[in-house]
Amino acid sequence: MLRGRFITIEGPEGSGKSTHSRMLCDHLRRRGLKVLHTREPGGTKIGETVRKVLLDKKNKKMSAACELFLFLAARAQIVEEIIRPALARGYIVVCDRFHDATVAYQGYGAGLGLELIGSAGRLATGGLKPDLTVLLDVETKAGLKRAGIKDRMEIKPVRFHKKVRDGYLKIAKREPRRIKVIRTTDAPVAAVQDKIRKAVSHVI
């Protein structure tokens, strides 16, 4: 059975994930490659429904544990329904956020146990890990200014988002072979995208 490549794009709010993941997919398609672009939470009918609940600013009383399990539920569905089948057909799957986001946001940001997140995450993903993760790093206040306040995650306190950024960098330090850190604060979009494409070229 063919095995594609699984690439995830991670980063704090305002790091440029959505923009750069779309640009990367367009680039890969122009090269004639089979590409699937998806996002988390979302990517499936169930996942998009969960996404609305998670990002709705009206849900101010959502607990960190509830948040964790909703993200994991959406992930379990997209892995089973979308990602694994596409990889089996030889596609390059580019996903805007994956398990590292849960470790950074619900682990380092919200303070839930990393061991719990790790074991629950393995259940949700079935052990699937990205071949490459591009971590777009941006200074916290600059990133929040770029992002604006649009959803429930973005309205969390600045100190929360600083913990998230620090968490991402700790994850990257533990897994330097899988995770490529690219700074985006004050960096031109074209220059960042060029670095992403070079990193991706090593795994496809």
C-alpha atoms as a PDB file:
ATOM      1  CA  MET A   1       0.000   0.000   0.000  1.00  0.00           C
ATOM      2  CA  LEU A   2       1.272   3.459  -0.856  1.00  0.00           C
ATOM      3  CA  ARG A   3       2.182   5.761   2.016  1.00  0.00           C
ATOM      4  CA  GLY A   4       1.982   9.496   1.544  1.00  0.00           C
ATOM      5  CA  ARG A   5       3.564  12.163   3.707  1.00  0.00           C
ATOM      6  CA  PHE A   6       1.971  13.864   6.696  1.00  0.00           C
ATOM      7  CA  ILE A   7       2.979  17.491   7.273  1.00  0.00           C
ATOM      8  CA  THR A   8       1.581  19.666  10.052  1.00  0.00           C
ATOM      9  CA  ILE A   9       1.789  23.429  10.414  1.00  0.00           C
ATOM     10  CA  GLU A  10       1.795  24.665  13.998  1.00  0.00           C
ATOM     11  CA  GLY A  11       2.201  27.939  15.832  1.00  0.00           C
ATOM     12  CA  PRO A  12       0.682  30.426  18.270  1.00  0.00           C
ATOM     13  CA  GLU A  13      -2.098  32.832  17.297  1.00  0.00           C
ATOM     14  CA  GLY A  14      -1.121  35.170  14.469  1.00  0.00           C
ATOM     15  CA  SER A  15       1.862  33.107  13.330  1.00  0.00           C
ATOM     16  CA  GLY A  16       0.523  32.734   9.792  1.00  0.00           C
ATOM     17  CA  LYS A  17      -0.370  29.033   9.801  1.00  0.00           C
ATOM     18  CA  SER A  18      -3.466  29.241   7.640  1.00  0.00           C
ATOM     19  CA  THR A  19      -1.849  31.522   5.063  1.00  0.00           C
ATOM     20  CA  HIS A  20       1.312  29.473   4.779  1.00  0.00           C
ATOM     21  CA  SER A  21      -0.408  26.094   4.728  1.00  0.00           C
ATOM     22  CA  ARG A  22      -2.550  27.258   1.784  1.00  0.00           C
ATOM     23  CA  MET A  23       0.490  28.664  -0.023  1.00  0.00           C
ATOM     24  CA  LEU A  24       2.407  25.436   0.535  1.00  0.00           C
ATOM     25  CA  CYS A  25      -0.437  23.314  -0.841  1.00  0.00           C
ATOM     26  CA  ASP A  26      -0.729  25.508  -3.932  1.00  0.00           C
ATOM     27  CA  HIS A  27       3.019  25.149  -4.487  1.00  0.00           C
ATOM     28  CA  LEU A  28       2.929  21.364  -4.147  1.00  0.00           C
ATOM     29  CA  ARG A  29      -0.050  21.052  -6.509  1.00  0.00           C
ATOM     30  CA  ARG A  30       1.774  23.116  -9.124  1.00  0.00           C
ATOM     31  CA  ARG A  31       4.506  20.489  -8.931  1.00  0.00           C
ATOM     32  CA  GLY A  32       1.922  17.878  -9.884  1.00  0.00           C
ATOM     33  CA  LEU A  33       1.703  16.245  -6.466  1.00  0.00           C
ATOM     34  CA  LYS A  34      -1.458  14.869  -4.864  1.00  0.00           C
ATOM     35  CA  VAL A  35      -2.222  17.120  -1.905  1.00  0.00           C
ATOM     36  CA  LEU A  36      -4.919  17.170   0.755  1.00  0.00           C
ATOM     37  CA  HIS A  37      -5.215  20.340   2.836  1.00  0.00           C
ATOM     38  CA  THR A  38      -7.181  20.146   6.071  1.00  0.00           C
ATOM     39  CA  ARG A  39      -7.369  21.744   9.495  1.00  0.00           C
ATOM     40  CA  GLU A  40      -7.950  21.112  13.162  1.00  0.00           C
ATOM     41  CA  PRO A  41     -10.361  21.217  14.746  1.00  0.00           C
ATOM     42  CA  GLY A  42     -12.488  20.547  11.682  1.00  0.00           C
ATOM     43  CA  GLY A  43     -11.945  18.821   8.367  1.00  0.00           C
ATOM     44  CA  THR A  44     -14.992  16.560   8.766  1.00  0.00           C
ATOM     45  CA  LYS A  45     -18.685  17.217   9.324  1.00  0.00           C
ATOM     46  CA  ILE A  46     -18.341  16.173  12.954  1.00  0.00           C
ATOM     47  CA  GLY A  47     -15.104  18.112  13.401  1.00  0.00           C
ATOM     48  CA  GLU A  48     -16.539  21.330  11.981  1.00  0.00           C
ATOM     49  CA  THR A  49     -19.472  21.073  14.390  1.00  0.00           C
ATOM     50  CA  VAL A  50     -17.049  20.625  17.290  1.00  0.00           C
ATOM     51  CA  ARG A  51     -15.001  23.578  15.996  1.00  0.00           C
ATOM     52  CA  LYS A  52     -17.997  25.897  16.273  1.00  0.00           C
ATOM     53  CA  VAL A  53     -18.494  24.897  19.908  1.00  0.00           C
ATOM     54  CA  LEU A  54     -14.810  25.288  20.768  1.00  0.00           C
ATOM     55  CA  LEU A  55     -14.371  28.716  19.165  1.00  0.00           C
ATOM     56  CA  ASP A  56     -17.712  30.280  20.125  1.00  0.00           C
ATOM     57  CA  LYS A  57     -17.013  33.234  22.438  1.00  0.00           C
ATOM     58  CA  LYS A  58     -20.342  32.571  24.164  1.00  0.00           C
ATOM     59  CA  ASN A  59     -18.894  29.399  25.710  1.00  0.00           C
ATOM     60  CA  LYS A  60     -16.934  31.297  28.350  1.00  0.00           C
ATOM     61  CA  LYS A  61     -17.485  28.676  31.048  1.00  0.00           C
ATOM     62  CA  MET A  62     -15.941  25.791  29.108  1.00  0.00           C
ATOM     63  CA  SER A  63     -13.479  23.973  31.362  1.00  0.00           C
ATOM     64  CA  ALA A  64      -9.980  23.047  30.262  1.00  0.00           C
ATOM     65  CA  ALA A  65     -10.876  19.345  30.494  1.00  0.00           C
ATOM     66  CA  CYS A  66     -13.963  19.818  28.328  1.00  0.00           C
ATOM     67  CA  GLU A  67     -11.842  21.743  25.828  1.00  0.00           C
ATOM     68  CA  LEU A  68      -9.260  18.933  25.755  1.00  0.00           C
ATOM     69  CA  PHE A  69     -11.767  16.175  25.077  1.00  0.00           C
ATOM     70  CA  LEU A  70     -13.535  18.148  22.362  1.00  0.00           C
ATOM     71  CA  PHE A  71     -10.248  18.701  20.519  1.00  0.00           C
ATOM     72  CA  LEU A  72      -9.369  15.016  20.886  1.00  0.00           C
ATOM     73  CA  ALA A  73     -12.799  13.924  19.640  1.00  0.00           C
ATOM     74  CA  ALA A  74     -12.450  16.037  16.503  1.00  0.00           C
ATOM     75  CA  ARG A  75      -8.928  14.673  15.974  1.00  0.00           C
ATOM     76  CA  ALA A  76      -9.983  11.043  16.315  1.00  0.00           C
ATOM     77  CA  GLN A  77     -12.589  11.595  13.618  1.00  0.00           C
ATOM     78  CA  ILE A  78     -10.339  13.376  11.121  1.00  0.00           C
ATOM     79  CA  VAL A  79      -7.569  10.792  11.492  1.00  0.00           C
ATOM     80  CA  GLU A  80      -9.969   7.915  10.862  1.00  0.00           C
ATOM     81  CA  GLU A  81     -12.121   9.550   8.193  1.00  0.00           C
ATOM     82  CA  ILE A  82      -9.700  11.766   6.270  1.00  0.00           C
ATOM     83  CA  ILE A  83      -5.994  11.594   7.086  1.00  0.00           C
ATOM     84  CA  ARG A  84      -5.225   7.854   7.181  1.00  0.00           C
ATOM     85  CA  PRO A  85      -7.173   7.077   3.979  1.00  0.00           C
ATOM     86  CA  ALA A  86      -5.440   9.918   2.135  1.00  0.00           C
ATOM     87  CA  LEU A  87      -1.996   8.787   3.289  1.00  0.00           C
ATOM     88  CA  ALA A  88      -2.807   5.244   2.200  1.00  0.00           C
ATOM     89  CA  ARG A  89      -3.571   6.602  -1.287  1.00  0.00           C
ATOM     90  CA  GLY A  90      -0.201   8.325  -1.452  1.00  0.00           C
ATOM     91  CA  TYR A  91      -1.342  11.894  -0.795  1.00  0.00           C
ATOM     92  CA  ILE A  92       0.701  14.591   0.893  1.00  0.00           C
ATOM     93  CA  VAL A  93      -1.549  15.655   3.755  1.00  0.00           C
ATOM     94  CA  VAL A  94      -0.993  19.181   5.068  1.00  0.00           C
ATOM     95  CA  CYS A  95      -2.860  19.822   8.304  1.00  0.00           C
ATOM     96  CA  ASP A  96      -3.228  23.204  10.002  1.00  0.00           C
ATOM     97  CA  ARG A  97      -2.633  22.096  13.640  1.00  0.00           C
ATOM     98  CA  PHE A  98      -2.489  18.591  15.120  1.00  0.00           C
ATOM     99  CA  HIS A  99      -1.489  16.967  18.418  1.00  0.00           C
ATOM    100  CA  ASP A 100       1.306  19.439  19.212  1.00  0.00           C
ATOM    101  CA  ALA A 101      -1.339  22.164  19.470  1.00  0.00           C
ATOM    102  CA  THR A 102      -3.098  20.233  22.229  1.00  0.00           C
ATOM    103  CA  VAL A 103       0.140  19.803  24.161  1.00  0.00           C
ATOM    104  CA  ALA A 104       0.928  23.514  23.791  1.00  0.00           C
ATOM    105  CA  TYR A 105      -2.541  24.919  24.476  1.00  0.00           C
ATOM    106  CA  GLN A 106      -4.182  22.502  26.895  1.00  0.00           C
ATOM    107  CA  GLY A 107      -0.934  21.223  28.402  1.00  0.00           C
ATOM    108  CA  TYR A 108       1.445  24.148  28.777  1.00  0.00           C
ATOM    109  CA  GLY A 109      -1.219  26.854  28.410  1.00  0.00           C
ATOM    110  CA  ALA A 110      -4.055  25.485  30.540  1.00  0.00           C
ATOM    111  CA  GLY A 111      -1.881  23.356  32.824  1.00  0.00           C
ATOM    112  CA  LEU A 112      -3.404  19.933  32.215  1.00  0.00           C
ATOM    113  CA  GLY A 113      -1.112  16.955  32.743  1.00  0.00           C
ATOM    114  CA  LEU A 114       1.232  16.233  29.870  1.00  0.00           C
ATOM    115  CA  GLU A 115       1.143  12.476  30.534  1.00  0.00           C
ATOM    116  CA  LEU A 116      -2.659  12.486  30.344  1.00  0.00           C
ATOM    117  CA  ILE A 117      -2.565  14.463  27.094  1.00  0.00           C
ATOM    118  CA  GLY A 118       0.059  12.122  25.694  1.00  0.00           C
ATOM    119  CA  SER A 119      -1.876   8.930  26.395  1.00  0.00           C
ATOM    120  CA  ALA A 120      -5.232  10.399  25.318  1.00  0.00           C
ATOM    121  CA  GLY A 121      -3.572  11.817  22.206  1.00  0.00           C
ATOM    122  CA  ARG A 122      -2.185   8.418  21.209  1.00  0.00           C
ATOM    123  CA  LEU A 123      -5.694   7.007  21.496  1.00  0.00           C
ATOM    124  CA  ALA A 124      -7.140   9.791  19.340  1.00  0.00           C
ATOM    125  CA  THR A 125      -4.468   9.512  16.641  1.00  0.00           C
ATOM    126  CA  GLY A 126      -3.918   5.772  16.754  1.00  0.00           C
ATOM    127  CA  GLY A 127      -0.224   6.572  17.110  1.00  0.00           C
ATOM    128  CA  LEU A 128      -0.053   8.599  13.894  1.00  0.00           C
ATOM    129  CA  LYS A 129       2.726  11.207  13.929  1.00  0.00           C
ATOM    130  CA  PRO A 130       3.685  13.796  11.316  1.00  0.00           C
ATOM    131  CA  ASP A 131       6.674  13.191   9.069  1.00  0.00           C
ATOM    132  CA  LEU A 132       7.413  16.901   9.442  1.00  0.00           C
ATOM    133  CA  THR A 133       6.034  19.659  11.636  1.00  0.00           C
ATOM    134  CA  VAL A 134       6.691  23.272  10.714  1.00  0.00           C
ATOM    135  CA  LEU A 135       6.442  25.462  13.797  1.00  0.00           C
ATOM    136  CA  LEU A 136       5.875  29.106  12.887  1.00  0.00           C
ATOM    137  CA  ASP A 137       7.094  31.079  15.872  1.00  0.00           C
ATOM    138  CA  VAL A 138       5.932  34.617  16.536  1.00  0.00           C
ATOM    139  CA  GLU A 139       6.404  36.950  19.508  1.00  0.00           C
ATOM    140  CA  THR A 140       3.219  36.713  21.564  1.00  0.00           C
ATOM    141  CA  LYS A 141       1.954  40.302  21.501  1.00  0.00           C
ATOM    142  CA  ALA A 142       2.832  40.721  17.819  1.00  0.00           C
ATOM    143  CA  GLY A 143       0.957  37.535  16.982  1.00  0.00           C
ATOM    144  CA  LEU A 144      -2.151  38.523  18.923  1.00  0.00           C
ATOM    145  CA  LYS A 145      -2.146  41.928  17.245  1.00  0.00           C
ATOM    146  CA  ARG A 146      -1.998  40.237  13.833  1.00  0.00           C
ATOM    147  CA  ALA A 147      -4.728  37.757  14.680  1.00  0.00           C
ATOM    148  CA  GLY A 148      -7.151  40.221  16.229  1.00  0.00           C
ATOM    149  CA  ILE A 149      -9.836  38.911  18.588  1.00  0.00           C
ATOM    150  CA  LYS A 150     -12.092  36.614  16.601  1.00  0.00           C
ATOM    151  CA  ASP A 151     -12.778  33.512  18.701  1.00  0.00           C
ATOM    152  CA  ARG A 152     -12.828  32.018  22.194  1.00  0.00           C
ATOM    153  CA  MET A 153      -9.198  30.867  22.077  1.00  0.00           C
ATOM    154  CA  GLU A 154      -7.869  34.254  20.998  1.00  0.00           C
ATOM    155  CA  ILE A 155      -9.574  36.121  23.868  1.00  0.00           C
ATOM    156  CA  LYS A 156      -7.639  34.173  26.487  1.00  0.00           C
ATOM    157  CA  PRO A 157      -5.195  36.292  28.549  1.00  0.00           C
ATOM    158  CA  VAL A 158      -1.790  37.256  27.151  1.00  0.00           C
ATOM    159  CA  ARG A 159      -0.096  35.197  29.882  1.00  0.00           C
ATOM    160  CA  PHE A 160      -1.896  32.106  28.561  1.00  0.00           C
ATOM    161  CA  HIS A 161      -0.635  32.743  25.037  1.00  0.00           C
ATOM    162  CA  LYS A 162       2.916  33.283  26.321  1.00  0.00           C
ATOM    163  CA  LYS A 163       2.746  29.860  27.984  1.00  0.00           C
ATOM    164  CA  VAL A 164       1.521  28.384  24.704  1.00  0.00           C
ATOM    165  CA  ARG A 165       4.449  29.849  22.782  1.00  0.00           C
ATOM    166  CA  ASP A 166       6.934  28.660  25.408  1.00  0.00           C
ATOM    167  CA  GLY A 167       5.293  25.234  25.276  1.00  0.00           C
ATOM    168  CA  TYR A 168       5.668  24.987  21.524  1.00  0.00           C
ATOM    169  CA  LEU A 169       9.357  25.848  21.769  1.00  0.00           C
ATOM    170  CA  LYS A 170       9.858  23.198  24.466  1.00  0.00           C
ATOM    171  CA  ILE A 171       8.177  20.593  22.254  1.00  0.00           C
ATOM    172  CA  ALA A 172      10.439  21.597  19.361  1.00  0.00           C
ATOM    173  CA  LYS A 173      13.531  21.332  21.537  1.00  0.00           C
ATOM    174  CA  ARG A 174      12.571  17.753  22.461  1.00  0.00           C
ATOM    175  CA  GLU A 175      11.971  16.702  18.847  1.00  0.00           C
ATOM    176  CA  PRO A 176      14.378  18.666  16.640  1.00  0.00           C
ATOM    177  CA  ARG A 177      14.402  16.049  13.869  1.00  0.00           C
ATOM    178  CA  ARG A 178      10.644  16.249  13.326  1.00  0.00           C
ATOM    179  CA  ILE A 179       9.996  19.909  14.113  1.00  0.00           C
ATOM    180  CA  LYS A 180      11.433  22.770  12.063  1.00  0.00           C
ATOM    181  CA  VAL A 181      11.119  26.155  13.791  1.00  0.00           C
ATOM    182  CA  ILE A 182      10.724  29.167  11.521  1.00  0.00           C
ATOM    183  CA  ARG A 183      10.503  32.663  13.016  1.00  0.00           C
ATOM    184  CA  THR A 184       7.795  34.849  11.528  1.00  0.00           C
ATOM    185  CA  THR A 185       7.967  37.997  13.670  1.00  0.00           C
ATOM    186  CA  ASP A 186       8.779  40.852  11.226  1.00  0.00           C
ATOM    187  CA  ALA A 187       9.708  38.309   8.521  1.00  0.00           C
ATOM    188  CA  PRO A 188       8.361  38.812   4.954  1.00  0.00           C
ATOM    189  CA  VAL A 189       5.761  36.250   3.934  1.00  0.00           C
ATOM    190  CA  ALA A 190       7.762  35.207   0.857  1.00  0.00           C
ATOM    191  CA  ALA A 191      10.893  34.554   2.918  1.00  0.00           C
ATOM    192  CA  VAL A 192       8.979  32.443   5.443  1.00  0.00           C
ATOM    193  CA  GLN A 193       7.266  30.481   2.695  1.00  0.00           C
ATOM    194  CA  ASP A 194      10.623  29.789   1.016  1.00  0.00           C
ATOM    195  CA  LYS A 195      11.956  28.290   4.258  1.00  0.00           C
ATOM    196  CA  ILE A 196       8.838  26.154   4.617  1.00  0.00           C
ATOM    197  CA  ARG A 197       9.174  24.807   1.080  1.00  0.00           C
ATOM    198  CA  LYS A 198      12.828  23.934   1.646  1.00  0.00           C
ATOM    199  CA  ALA A 199      11.972  22.073   4.846  1.00  0.00           C
ATOM    200  CA  VAL A 200       9.164  20.171   3.111  1.00  0.00           C
ATOM    201  CA  SER A 201      11.368  19.253   0.156  1.00  0.00           C
ATOM    202  CA  HIS A 202      13.433  17.024   2.457  1.00  0.00           C
ATOM    203  CA  VAL A 203      10.482  14.747   3.290  1.00  0.00           C
ATOM    204  CA  ILE A 204       8.636  14.415  -0.043  1.00  0.00           C
END
